Amino acid sequence: MQVAAVTKAEDRGWRWRIVNYAGDVIEESAELFGSIAAAVAQGSARLVTLNLVDRSEPTRPWRRVSHRD
């Protein structure tokens, strides 16, 4: 799992977001933080308390094509 800091145009701060390796959002903060570092630090602490195991598979930017002879 990864922790990212995200913001929207209407926000005046940063939120943390926990995302699995498939790109699914697991959880996002409602609280706004003044810096990216503060948001990531709080998100990382939250991830530790969740104690989740990520069994998702990463999405692949390519797909297998069968070749015909």
Protein backbone atom coordinates (compact mmCIF):
# COMPACT_ATOMS: atom_id res chain seq x y z
CA MET A 1 0.00 0.00 0.00
CA GLN A 2 1.06 3.54 -0.63
CA VAL A 3 0.26 6.85 1.04
CA ALA A 4 -0.10 9.90 -1.19
CA ALA A 5 -0.90 13.55 -0.58
CA VAL A 6 -3.69 14.96 -2.74
CA THR A 7 -5.39 18.31 -3.08
CA LYS A 8 -8.28 19.79 -5.02
CA ALA A 9 -8.57 23.27 -6.47
CA GLU A 10 -11.17 24.25 -3.87
CA ASP A 11 -9.11 22.93 -0.92
CA ARG A 12 -6.67 25.07 1.01
CA GLY A 13 -4.49 22.20 2.07
CA TRP A 14 -3.52 18.59 1.54
CA ARG A 15 -5.24 15.31 2.39
CA TRP A 16 -3.64 11.89 2.72
CA ARG A 17 -4.91 9.00 0.67
CA ILE A 18 -4.10 5.31 1.16
CA VAL A 19 -4.06 3.41 -2.14
CA ASN A 20 -3.44 -0.29 -2.82
CA TYR A 21 -1.21 -1.54 -5.63
CA ALA A 22 -4.20 -1.97 -7.94
CA GLY A 23 -4.92 1.75 -7.62
CA ASP A 24 -8.01 1.43 -5.42
CA VAL A 25 -8.49 4.09 -2.76
CA ILE A 26 -8.64 2.40 0.64
CA GLU A 27 -9.12 5.49 2.78
CA GLU A 28 -8.80 9.28 2.52
CA SER A 29 -8.58 11.87 5.28
CA ALA A 30 -11.34 14.37 5.87
CA GLU A 31 -8.86 16.66 7.63
CA LEU A 32 -6.74 19.16 5.67
CA PHE A 33 -3.02 19.57 6.36
CA GLY A 34 -0.81 22.59 5.71
CA SER A 35 1.93 20.65 3.91
CA ILE A 36 2.47 17.52 1.87
CA ALA A 37 4.88 16.21 4.52
CA ALA A 38 2.31 16.58 7.31
CA ALA A 39 -0.37 14.83 5.25
CA VAL A 40 1.90 11.91 4.32
CA ALA A 41 3.13 11.56 7.91
CA GLN A 42 -0.44 11.30 9.25
CA GLY A 43 -1.45 8.95 6.44
CA SER A 44 1.53 6.70 7.12
CA ALA A 45 0.61 6.56 10.80
CA ARG A 46 -2.96 5.64 9.85
CA LEU A 47 -1.73 2.91 7.49
CA VAL A 48 0.24 1.33 10.34
CA THR A 49 -2.85 1.29 12.58
CA LEU A 50 -4.95 -0.33 9.83
CA ASN A 51 -2.50 -3.27 9.66
CA LEU A 52 -3.80 -4.37 6.25
CA VAL A 53 -2.23 -6.85 3.85
CA ASP A 54 -2.43 -5.78 0.21
CA ARG A 55 -3.28 -8.80 -1.91
CA SER A 56 -4.30 -6.77 -4.94
CA GLU A 57 -2.52 -7.11 -8.24
CA PRO A 58 -1.10 -4.02 -9.93
CA THR A 59 -2.85 -2.96 -13.09
CA ARG A 60 -0.79 -3.53 -16.19
CA PRO A 61 -0.51 -0.79 -18.80
CA TRP A 62 -0.36 -3.44 -21.54
CA ARG A 63 -2.46 -6.43 -22.37
CA ARG A 64 -1.44 -9.79 -23.72
CA VAL A 65 -2.23 -10.28 -27.40
CA SER A 66 -2.38 -13.75 -28.83
CA HIS A 67 -0.43 -14.03 -32.06
CA ARG A 68 -1.89 -16.09 -34.84
CA ASP A 69 0.35 -18.00 -37.24
